PDB file of N, CA and C in Angstrom:
ATOM      1  N   MET A   1     -11.821  13.505   0.093  1.00  0.00           N
ATOM      2  CA  MET A   1     -11.831  11.684  -0.776  1.00  0.00           C
ATOM      3  C   MET A   1     -11.970  10.371  -0.099  1.00  0.00           C
ATOM      4  N   GLN A   2     -12.550   9.932   0.595  1.00  0.00           N
ATOM      5  CA  GLN A   2     -12.491   9.374   1.908  1.00  0.00           C
ATOM      6  C   GLN A   2     -11.791   7.586   1.102  1.00  0.00           C
ATOM      7  N   ILE A   3     -12.888   7.529   0.238  1.00  0.00           N
ATOM      8  CA  ILE A   3     -12.480   6.941  -0.629  1.00  0.00           C
ATOM      9  C   ILE A   3     -10.997   6.375  -0.896  1.00  0.00           C
ATOM     10  N   ASN A   4     -10.366   7.885  -2.063  1.00  0.00           N
ATOM     11  CA  ASN A   4      -9.159   6.663  -2.227  1.00  0.00           C
ATOM     12  C   ASN A   4      -8.047   6.813  -0.822  1.00  0.00           C
ATOM     13  N   HIS A   5      -8.539   7.253   0.195  1.00  0.00           N
ATOM     14  CA  HIS A   5      -7.408   7.529   1.985  1.00  0.00           C
ATOM     15  C   HIS A   5      -7.119   6.203   1.644  1.00  0.00           C
ATOM     16  N   HIS A   6      -8.596   5.519   2.086  1.00  0.00           N
ATOM     17  CA  HIS A   6      -7.628   3.660   2.217  1.00  0.00           C
ATOM     18  C   HIS A   6      -7.088   3.435   1.392  1.00  0.00           C
ATOM     19  N   ILE A   7      -8.043   4.215   0.642  1.00  0.00           N
ATOM     20  CA  ILE A   7      -6.108   2.629  -0.980  1.00  0.00           C
ATOM     21  C   ILE A   7      -4.996   3.659  -0.865  1.00  0.00           C
ATOM     22  N   TRP A   8      -4.911   4.988  -0.238  1.00  0.00           N
ATOM     23  CA  TRP A   8      -3.565   5.458  -0.422  1.00  0.00           C
ATOM     24  C   TRP A   8      -3.301   4.380   0.915  1.00  0.00           C
ATOM     25  N   GLN A   9      -3.849   4.434   1.764  1.00  0.00           N
ATOM     26  CA  GLN A   9      -3.186   3.682   2.825  1.00  0.00           C
ATOM     27  C   GLN A   9      -3.597   2.417   3.133  1.00  0.00           C
ATOM     28  N   ASP A  10      -3.951   1.360   1.683  1.00  0.00           N
ATOM     29  CA  ASP A  10      -3.634   0.049   1.314  1.00  0.00           C
ATOM     30  C   ASP A  10      -2.562   0.038   0.811  1.00  0.00           C
ATOM     31  N   TRP A  11      -2.332   0.377   0.166  1.00  0.00           N
ATOM     32  CA  TRP A  11      -1.427   0.684  -1.039  1.00  0.00           C
ATOM     33  C   TRP A  11       0.485   1.247  -0.559  1.00  0.00           C
ATOM     34  N   ALA A  12       0.194   2.013   0.474  1.00  0.00           N
ATOM     35  CA  ALA A  12       1.350   1.481   1.232  1.00  0.00           C
ATOM     36  C   ALA A  12       1.689   0.693   2.340  1.00  0.00           C
ATOM     37  N   TRP A  13       0.603   0.316   2.383  1.00  0.00           N
ATOM     38  CA  TRP A  13       1.149  -1.268   4.273  1.00  0.00           C
ATOM     39  C   TRP A  13       1.384  -2.239   2.732  1.00  0.00           C
ATOM     40  N   LYS A  14       0.422  -2.227   1.693  1.00  0.00           N
ATOM     41  CA  LYS A  14       1.684  -2.788   0.847  1.00  0.00           C
ATOM     42  C   LYS A  14       2.655  -2.801   0.850  1.00  0.00           C
ATOM     43  N   LEU A  15       3.430  -1.404   0.648  1.00  0.00           N
ATOM     44  CA  LEU A  15       4.463  -1.020   0.311  1.00  0.00           C
ATOM     45  C   LEU A  15       5.325  -1.381   1.721  1.00  0.00           C
ATOM     46  N   HIS A  16       4.998  -1.370   1.717  1.00  0.00           N
ATOM     47  CA  HIS A  16       6.473  -1.305   3.697  1.00  0.00           C
ATOM     48  C   HIS A  16       6.284  -3.041   3.766  1.00  0.00           C
ATOM     49  N   GLN A  17       4.745  -3.486   3.503  1.00  0.00           N
ATOM     50  CA  GLN A  17       5.653  -5.363   3.705  1.00  0.00           C
ATOM     51  C   GLN A  17       6.261  -5.202   2.906  1.00  0.00           C
ATOM     52  N   TRP A  18       6.836  -5.308   1.602  1.00  0.00           N
ATOM     53  CA  TRP A  18       7.413  -5.573   0.464  1.00  0.00           C
ATOM     54  C   TRP A  18       8.882  -4.462   0.483  1.00  0.00           C
ATOM     55  N   GLY A  19       9.115  -3.828   1.761  1.00  0.00           N
ATOM     56  CA  GLY A  19      10.101  -2.781   2.128  1.00  0.00           C
ATOM     57  C   GLY A  19      10.615  -1.519   0.836  1.00  0.00           C
ATOM     58  N   VAL A  20      10.020  -1.731   0.577  1.00  0.00           N
ATOM     59  CA  VAL A  20       9.624  -0.494  -0.776  1.00  0.00           C
ATOM     60  C   VAL A  20       9.272   0.719  -1.272  1.00  0.00           C
ATOM     61  N   ALA A  21       8.793   0.662   0.742  1.00  0.00           N
ATOM     62  CA  ALA A  21       8.301   2.429  -0.029  1.00  0.00           C
ATOM     63  C   ALA A  21       9.299   3.728   0.457  1.00  0.00           C
ATOM     64  N   ASP A  22      10.380   3.148   1.001  1.00  0.00           N
ATOM     65  CA  ASP A  22      10.950   4.238   0.946  1.00  0.00           C
ATOM     66  C   ASP A  22      11.048   4.737  -0.408  1.00  0.00           C
ATOM     67  N   ILE A  23      12.069   3.743  -1.881  1.00  0.00           N
ATOM     68  CA  ILE A  23      12.242   3.828  -2.603  1.00  0.00           C
ATOM     69  C   ILE A  23      10.852   4.399  -3.495  1.00  0.00           C
ATOM     70  N   ALA A  24       9.700   3.800  -3.171  1.00  0.00           N
ATOM     71  CA  ALA A  24       8.250   4.588  -3.685  1.00  0.00           C
ATOM     72  C   ALA A  24       7.463   5.731  -3.657  1.00  0.00           C
ATOM     73  N   ALA A  25       8.803   5.845  -2.186  1.00  0.00           N
ATOM     74  CA  ALA A  25       8.629   7.619  -2.122  1.00  0.00           C
ATOM     75  C   ALA A  25       9.299   7.964  -3.429  1.00  0.00           C
ATOM     76  N   SER A  26      10.408   8.038  -2.884  1.00  0.00           N
ATOM     77  CA  SER A  26      11.221   8.859  -3.145  1.00  0.00           C
ATOM     78  C   SER A  26      11.260   9.470  -4.672  1.00  0.00           C
ATOM     79  N   ILE A  27      10.625   7.943  -6.120  1.00  0.00           N
ATOM     80  CA  ILE A  27       9.729   7.811  -6.711  1.00  0.00           C
ATOM     81  C   ILE A  27       8.964   8.861  -7.288  1.00  0.00           C
ATOM     82  N   LEU A  28       8.436   8.405  -6.173  1.00  0.00           N
ATOM     83  CA  LEU A  28       6.733   9.787  -6.527  1.00  0.00           C
ATOM     84  C   LEU A  28       7.612  11.343  -5.929  1.00  0.00           C
ATOM     85  N   GLU A  29       8.068  11.763  -5.620  1.00  0.00           N
ATOM     86  CA  GLU A  29       9.182  13.168  -4.928  1.00  0.00           C
ATOM     87  C   GLU A  29       9.807  13.577  -6.291  1.00  0.00           C
ATOM     88  N   ALA A  30      10.368  12.455  -7.025  1.00  0.00           N
ATOM     89  CA  ALA A  30      11.823  12.725  -7.851  1.00  0.00           C
ATOM     90  C   ALA A  30      10.904  12.863  -8.713  1.00  0.00           C
ATOM     91  N   GLY A  31       9.140  12.564  -9.956  1.00  0.00           N
ATOM     92  CA  GLY A  31       8.518  12.576 -10.230  1.00  0.00           C
ATOM     93  C   GLY A  31       7.863  13.149 -10.335  1.00  0.00           C
ATOM     94  N   ALA A  32       7.519  14.168  -9.810  1.00  0.00           N
ATOM     95  CA  ALA A  32       6.662  14.562  -9.011  1.00  0.00           C
ATOM     96  C   ALA A  32       6.055  15.748 -11.011  1.00  0.00           C
ATOM     97  N   PRO A  33       7.414  16.282 -11.525  1.00  0.00           N
ATOM     98  CA  PRO A  33       7.013  17.528 -12.676  1.00  0.00           C
ATOM     99  C   PRO A  33       6.219  16.296 -13.395  1.00  0.00           C
ATOM    100  N   LEU A  34       6.933  14.812 -13.348  1.00  0.00           N
ATOM    101  CA  LEU A  34       5.596  13.921 -14.746  1.00  0.00           C
ATOM    102  C   LEU A  34       4.623  13.370 -14.739  1.00  0.00           C
ATOM    103  N   THR A  35       4.645  13.133 -13.434  1.00  0.00           N
ATOM    104  CA  THR A  35       3.033  12.828 -13.046  1.00  0.00           C
ATOM    105  C   THR A  35       2.774  13.154 -14.074  1.00  0.00           C
ATOM    106  N   THR A  36       1.604  14.622 -14.053  1.00  0.00           N
ATOM    107  CA  THR A  36       0.675  14.421 -15.133  1.00  0.00           C
ATOM    108  C   THR A  36       0.394  13.601 -16.485  1.00  0.00           C
ATOM    109  N   PHE A  37       1.815  13.970 -16.824  1.00  0.00           N
ATOM    110  CA  PHE A  37       2.345  13.550 -17.965  1.00  0.00           C
ATOM    111  C   PHE A  37       2.272  11.482 -18.375  1.00  0.00           C
ATOM    112  N   ALA A  38       2.199  11.114 -16.578  1.00  0.00           N
ATOM    113  CA  ALA A  38       2.274   9.696 -16.177  1.00  0.00           C
ATOM    114  C   ALA A  38       0.874   9.154 -16.502  1.00  0.00           C
ATOM    115  N   SER A  39       0.302   9.487 -15.741  1.00  0.00           N
ATOM    116  CA  SER A  39      -1.300   9.891 -15.995  1.00  0.00           C
ATOM    117  C   SER A  39      -2.313   9.143 -16.978  1.00  0.00           C
ATOM    118  N   GLN A  40      -1.088   9.734 -17.910  1.00  0.00           N
ATOM    119  CA  GLN A  40      -2.348  10.148 -19.658  1.00  0.00           C
ATOM    120  C   GLN A  40      -1.494   9.490 -19.761  1.00  0.00           C
ATOM    121  N   VAL A  41      -0.390   8.404 -20.095  1.00  0.00           N
ATOM    122  CA  VAL A  41       0.112   7.443 -20.427  1.00  0.00           C
ATOM    123  C   VAL A  41      -0.781   6.469 -20.116  1.00  0.00           C
ATOM    124  N   LEU A  42      -0.727   6.246 -18.366  1.00  0.00           N
ATOM    125  CA  LEU A  42      -1.943   5.373 -18.006  1.00  0.00           C
ATOM    126  C   LEU A  42      -2.765   4.796 -18.831  1.00  0.00           C
ATOM    127  N   VAL A  43      -3.743   6.576 -19.002  1.00  0.00           N
ATOM    128  CA  VAL A  43      -5.466   5.458 -19.934  1.00  0.00           C
ATOM    129  C   VAL A  43      -4.979   5.587 -21.316  1.00  0.00           C
ATOM    130  N   ALA A  44      -3.658   5.906 -21.580  1.00  0.00           N
ATOM    131  CA  ALA A  44      -3.502   5.703 -22.798  1.00  0.00           C
ATOM    132  C   ALA A  44      -4.222   4.268 -23.244  1.00  0.00           C
ATOM    133  N   PHE A  45      -3.514   3.395 -21.974  1.00  0.00           N
ATOM    134  CA  PHE A  45      -3.030   1.312 -21.960  1.00  0.00           C
ATOM    135  C   PHE A  45      -4.032   1.257 -21.744  1.00  0.00           C
ATOM    136  N   SER A  46      -4.855   2.034 -20.609  1.00  0.00           N
ATOM    137  CA  SER A  46      -5.978   1.541 -19.855  1.00  0.00           C
ATOM    138  C   SER A  46      -6.821   0.455 -20.033  1.00  0.00           C
ATOM    139  N   PRO A  47      -7.471   1.098 -21.809  1.00  0.00           N
ATOM    140  CA  PRO A  47      -7.962  -0.229 -22.755  1.00  0.00           C
ATOM    141  C   PRO A  47      -7.390  -1.552 -22.346  1.00  0.00           C
ATOM    142  N   PHE A  48      -6.106  -1.694 -22.000  1.00  0.00           N
ATOM    143  CA  PHE A  48      -5.062  -3.069 -22.248  1.00  0.00           C
ATOM    144  C   PHE A  48      -6.125  -3.589 -21.010  1.00  0.00           C
ATOM    145  N   ALA A  49      -6.464  -2.133 -19.951  1.00  0.00           N
ATOM    146  CA  ALA A  49      -6.220  -3.476 -18.548  1.00  0.00           C
ATOM    147  C   ALA A  49      -7.975  -3.584 -18.422  1.00  0.00           C
ATOM    148  N   ARG A  50      -8.647  -3.843 -19.138  1.00  0.00           N
ATOM    149  CA  ARG A  50     -10.634  -3.676 -19.409  1.00  0.00           C
ATOM    150  C   ARG A  50     -10.494  -4.784 -18.708  1.00  0.00           C
ATOM    151  N   GLY A  51     -11.354  -4.839 -17.703  1.00  0.00           N
ATOM    152  CA  GLY A  51     -11.549  -5.815 -16.923  1.00  0.00           C
ATOM    153  C   GLY A  51     -11.112  -6.248 -15.748  1.00  0.00           C
ATOM    154  N   THR A  52      -9.787  -5.991 -16.263  1.00  0.00           N
ATOM    155  CA  THR A  52      -9.098  -6.583 -14.532  1.00  0.00           C
ATOM    156  C   THR A  52      -9.376  -5.918 -13.704  1.00  0.00           C
ATOM    157  N   MET A  53      -8.182  -6.573 -13.001  1.00  0.00           N
ATOM    158  CA  MET A  53      -8.371  -5.946 -10.629  1.00  0.00           C
ATOM    159  C   MET A  53      -7.139  -4.905 -11.635  1.00  0.00           C
ATOM    160  N   MET A  54      -6.505  -4.710 -12.901  1.00  0.00           N
ATOM    161  CA  MET A  54      -5.319  -3.964 -13.741  1.00  0.00           C
ATOM    162  C   MET A  54      -6.205  -2.577 -13.541  1.00  0.00           C
ATOM    163  N   ASP A  55      -7.311  -2.668 -13.796  1.00  0.00           N
ATOM    164  CA  ASP A  55      -7.799  -1.328 -14.579  1.00  0.00           C
ATOM    165  C   ASP A  55      -8.544  -0.670 -13.688  1.00  0.00           C
ATOM    166  N   ARG A  56      -9.535  -0.709 -11.735  1.00  0.00           N
ATOM    167  CA  ARG A  56      -9.971  -0.522 -11.146  1.00  0.00           C
ATOM    168  C   ARG A  56      -8.497   0.932 -10.125  1.00  0.00           C
ATOM    169  N   SER A  57      -6.750  -0.387 -10.611  1.00  0.00           N
ATOM    170  CA  SER A  57      -6.098   0.375 -10.274  1.00  0.00           C
ATOM    171  C   SER A  57      -4.739   1.951 -11.069  1.00  0.00           C
ATOM    172  N   ILE A  58      -5.037   1.020 -12.266  1.00  0.00           N
ATOM    173  CA  ILE A  58      -4.708   2.473 -12.993  1.00  0.00           C
ATOM    174  C   ILE A  58      -5.679   3.912 -12.626  1.00  0.00           C
ATOM    175  N   ILE A  59      -7.001   3.030 -12.649  1.00  0.00           N
ATOM    176  CA  ILE A  59      -7.899   4.065 -12.238  1.00  0.00           C
ATOM    177  C   ILE A  59      -7.129   5.146 -11.482  1.00  0.00           C
ATOM    178  N   TYR A  60      -7.229   4.616 -10.301  1.00  0.00           N
ATOM    179  CA  TYR A  60      -6.520   5.437  -9.315  1.00  0.00           C
ATOM    180  C   TYR A  60      -6.059   5.908  -8.952  1.00  0.00           C
ATOM    181  N   LEU A  61      -4.020   5.249  -9.697  1.00  0.00           N
ATOM    182  CA  LEU A  61      -3.045   5.765 -10.148  1.00  0.00           C
ATOM    183  C   LEU A  61      -3.833   7.427 -10.748  1.00  0.00           C
ATOM    184  N   CYS A  62      -3.848   7.183 -11.030  1.00  0.00           N
ATOM    185  CA  CYS A  62      -4.615   8.556 -12.411  1.00  0.00           C
ATOM    186  C   CYS A  62      -4.928   9.552 -11.917  1.00  0.00           C
ATOM    187  N   MET A  63      -5.958   8.734 -10.753  1.00  0.00           N
ATOM    188  CA  MET A  63      -6.729   9.528  -9.663  1.00  0.00           C
ATOM    189  C   MET A  63      -5.200  10.002  -8.562  1.00  0.00           C
ATOM    190  N   LEU A  64      -4.122  10.358  -9.063  1.00  0.00           N
ATOM    191  CA  LEU A  64      -3.024   9.679  -7.580  1.00  0.00           C
ATOM    192  C   LEU A  64      -2.249   9.952  -8.463  1.00  0.00           C
ATOM    193  N   PHE A  65      -2.020  10.529  -9.628  1.00  0.00           N
ATOM    194  CA  PHE A  65      -0.758  11.763 -10.394  1.00  0.00           C
ATOM    195  C   PHE A  65      -1.584  12.828 -10.521  1.00  0.00           C
ATOM    196  N   GLU A  66      -2.627  12.593 -11.453  1.00  0.00           N
ATOM    197  CA  GLU A  66      -3.154  13.868 -10.585  1.00  0.00           C
ATOM    198  C   GLU A  66      -3.574  14.788 -10.202  1.00  0.00           C
ATOM    199  N   ASP A  67      -3.786  14.699  -8.614  1.00  0.00           N
ATOM    200  CA  ASP A  67      -4.094  14.638  -7.598  1.00  0.00           C
ATOM    201  C   ASP A  67      -2.964  15.805  -6.272  1.00  0.00           C
ATOM    202  N   HIS A  68      -2.022  16.403  -6.615  1.00  0.00           N
ATOM    203  CA  HIS A  68      -0.819  16.757  -5.247  1.00  0.00           C
ATOM    204  C   HIS A  68      -1.722  16.657  -4.076  1.00  0.00           C
ATOM    205  N   SER A  69      -2.623  16.623  -3.923  1.00  0.00           N
ATOM    206  CA  SER A  69      -3.042  17.060  -1.994  1.00  0.00           C
ATOM    207  C   SER A  69      -3.210  15.729  -1.827  1.00  0.00           C
ATOM    208  N   GLN A  70      -3.578  14.750  -3.307  1.00  0.00           N
ATOM    209  CA  GLN A  70      -3.474  13.076  -3.267  1.00  0.00           C
ATOM    210  C   GLN A  70      -2.083  12.847  -2.534  1.00  0.00           C
ATOM    211  N   GLN A  71      -1.313  13.443  -3.831  1.00  0.00           N
ATOM    212  CA  GLN A  71       0.196  12.474  -4.160  1.00  0.00           C
ATOM    213  C   GLN A  71       0.980  13.083  -2.583  1.00  0.00           C
ATOM    214  N   GLU A  72       0.504  14.045  -1.648  1.00  0.00           N
ATOM    215  CA  GLU A  72       1.451  14.540  -0.435  1.00  0.00           C
ATOM    216  C   GLU A  72       0.763  13.489   1.105  1.00  0.00           C
ATOM    217  N   ILE A  73      -0.057  13.363   0.512  1.00  0.00           N
ATOM    218  CA  ILE A  73      -1.789  12.143   1.568  1.00  0.00           C
ATOM    219  C   ILE A  73      -0.713  10.624   1.260  1.00  0.00           C
ATOM    220  N   PHE A  74      -0.368  10.045   0.201  1.00  0.00           N
ATOM    221  CA  PHE A  74       0.295   9.172  -0.168  1.00  0.00           C
ATOM    222  C   PHE A  74       1.862   9.430   0.548  1.00  0.00           C
ATOM    223  N   LEU A  75       2.577  10.065   0.159  1.00  0.00           N
ATOM    224  CA  LEU A  75       3.748  10.459   1.003  1.00  0.00           C
ATOM    225  C   LEU A  75       3.988   9.865   2.020  1.00  0.00           C
ATOM    226  N   GLY A  76       2.700  11.416   2.918  1.00  0.00           N
ATOM    227  CA  GLY A  76       2.726  11.270   4.012  1.00  0.00           C
ATOM    228  C   GLY A  76       3.248   9.733   4.246  1.00  0.00           C
ATOM    229  N   LEU A  77       1.650   8.819   4.224  1.00  0.00           N
ATOM    230  CA  LEU A  77       1.574   7.343   4.467  1.00  0.00           C
ATOM    231  C   LEU A  77       3.309   6.827   4.352  1.00  0.00           C
ATOM    232  N   LEU A  78       3.563   6.869   3.160  1.00  0.00           N
ATOM    233  CA  LEU A  78       5.070   6.300   2.488  1.00  0.00           C
ATOM    234  C   LEU A  78       6.466   6.574   4.096  1.00  0.00           C
ATOM    235  N   ARG A  79       5.919   7.757   4.194  1.00  0.00           N
ATOM    236  CA  ARG A  79       7.751   8.319   4.619  1.00  0.00           C
ATOM    237  C   ARG A  79       7.382   8.157   6.223  1.00  0.00           C
ATOM    238  N   GLU A  80       5.847   7.906   6.820  1.00  0.00           N
ATOM    239  CA  GLU A  80       5.667   8.293   8.188  1.00  0.00           C
ATOM    240  C   GLU A  80       5.800   7.068   8.641  1.00  0.00           C
ATOM    241  N   GLY A  81       5.139   5.891   7.534  1.00  0.00           N
ATOM    242  CA  GLY A  81       4.107   4.657   7.203  1.00  0.00           C
ATOM    243  C   GLY A  81       3.367   4.132   8.059  1.00  0.00           C
ATOM    244  N   LYS A  82       2.314   5.363   8.900  1.00  0.00           N
ATOM    245  CA  LYS A  82       1.327   5.368   9.030  1.00  0.00           C
ATOM    246  C   LYS A  82       0.227   4.346   8.384  1.00  0.00           C
ATOM    247  N   SER A  83       0.118   3.145   8.571  1.00  0.00           N
ATOM    248  CA  SER A  83      -0.725   3.228   7.154  1.00  0.00           C
ATOM    249  C   SER A  83      -2.108   1.836   8.112  1.00  0.00           C
ATOM    250  N   ASN A  84      -3.146   1.667   7.360  1.00  0.00           N
ATOM    251  CA  ASN A  84      -4.162   0.147   8.425  1.00  0.00           C
ATOM    252  C   ASN A  84      -3.207   0.184   9.719  1.00  0.00           C
TER     253      ASN A  84
END
């Protein structure tokens, strides 16, 4: 999923810029058992974000939460600082 990799790079870059990449990685790692549940919660609330930029972000975040291989890619970008 090349498109997702590009999105994860953008997100990692933003989190590095804000100085919260390590915190985000720690939260994602600690919450790994709950990511599927978190994805379903986001899906339930997604109708409230329809038609906004957040709508697209919610979709990609759900994809990240449901695909453990994508989580590993994103965590690697956060931990290693390899973004853009």
